[in-house]
Amino acid sequence: MNSDSAPRIVVGLSGGVDSSVAAALLKEEGWQVIGIMLRLWSEAGTLNRCCPPDAVIEARNIAQQLDIPFYVVDAKQAFYDAVVEPFIAGYASGLTPNPCLRCNRLIRWSFLRSRAKALNADKIATGHYARTKLLPNGIVQLLKNPDTEKDQSYFLHLLTQDDLLGTVFPLAELSKAEVRKLAREFSLPVADRPDSQDLCFVGQGDYRDFLRKSLPNALRPGPILNQDGEQLGEHTGLSDYTIGQRKGLGIAGPEPYYVIQKDIENNALVVGIKTELGRTKFYTHTTNWIAGSVSAEPFPAEIKIRYKSRPIPGLVTPLPDHQAGIILEEPAPDITPGQAGVFYQGQICLGGGTISLEES
């Protein structure tokens, strides 16, 4: 048993292997560990994939095994307001939003930290694969996890200094294989549980089905145009497509066509051949600098435009109103408005923002 004088920490337990091992490691280190599972919204008649009943049972069993308190907290309305509603609105305006980013910042941090404070906990912990480093000047850096296949710093680029100071990442230096090995050593029954999937709230269909229910009047068929304005076919609704998409366009030509742009004003999908696809310049809006601020001077960085994309060297120029201008050293084929552009220098995640093709 932990001493009552030991620091108290809240762990976001999901019933998965990562959060379970995180809780076990903290208990072993001597923390007073409290497990909290957040119940998240899902569409009517479906279960949220992050917190179905079997995961709740699994998380409760893990807490019992570790001899730690466990609470299930209703976060359905907060999740809908902070994550689902902006996801729907983003697609309605022609964007391709990433709901996991908002969920991490506004639910797994802001909401969970508020509950932790109510329990007089000193910090929270999660099973994310990322590291932090406290510098002598008091600034906390966010660093990549050594496992490049599993590193999740991309999803955490919206965190603030206050967030990072109040967070522990028990899996900071571990790979996924090492975490599963530890789960077996701790005799945790979730050692081989599959990873959770993105878009946890859309039920058994995909996001297109969900959007058709949520935006019945917004998903209208319209023309597929080439860059000269010639009509090549008809699309089924702009939200059915993403920048760089090749399959499923239903049009043929001497070379494969790719989605290049969504023209919201004219409800048109603009396509082109591969050589017309790449971009080297874009902007980020609502840009967060993890250190709290950044010099106004342009600086070199490696830029990721998707979680699994290869970082591309480029130049980042901080701009007023939480914007940044980015020029890549080579064209990227899938720069997509609504996704996140995240900036790195070596192992350090500097921050990032929402991709836009224009400065506001």
Foldseek 3Di string as FASTA:
>chain_A
DADPPAAEEEFAQQLALLSLLLQLVVVVVRHQYEYEYEQEAAPPPFGQLSHDPVSVVSRVVSCVLSVHHYYYHYCHVVLCVQAVVVCLVQVLQLFHAFRLLSCVARPVFVVVVVVCVVVVGQAYEYSAAWDWDQDPVRFIFIFFAPALVRTDVLSVLQDARVRVVRYDHSCHHPDLVVSLVVCVVSVRPNSPPDDTDGPRRHGPDDVVVVSCVVPVPRFPKDFEAEPVGDGFGIDRGSSVFAFQDFPDPPGDDPATKTFAGQDSVRRYTYIDHPVPQWDFKWKFAQWDFHRRDDDQDKDWWFKDQDSPDDTFIWIWGDDPRNMIMIGTPDTDRGNTFNTWIWTHDVGTTGHTGGIDRDDD
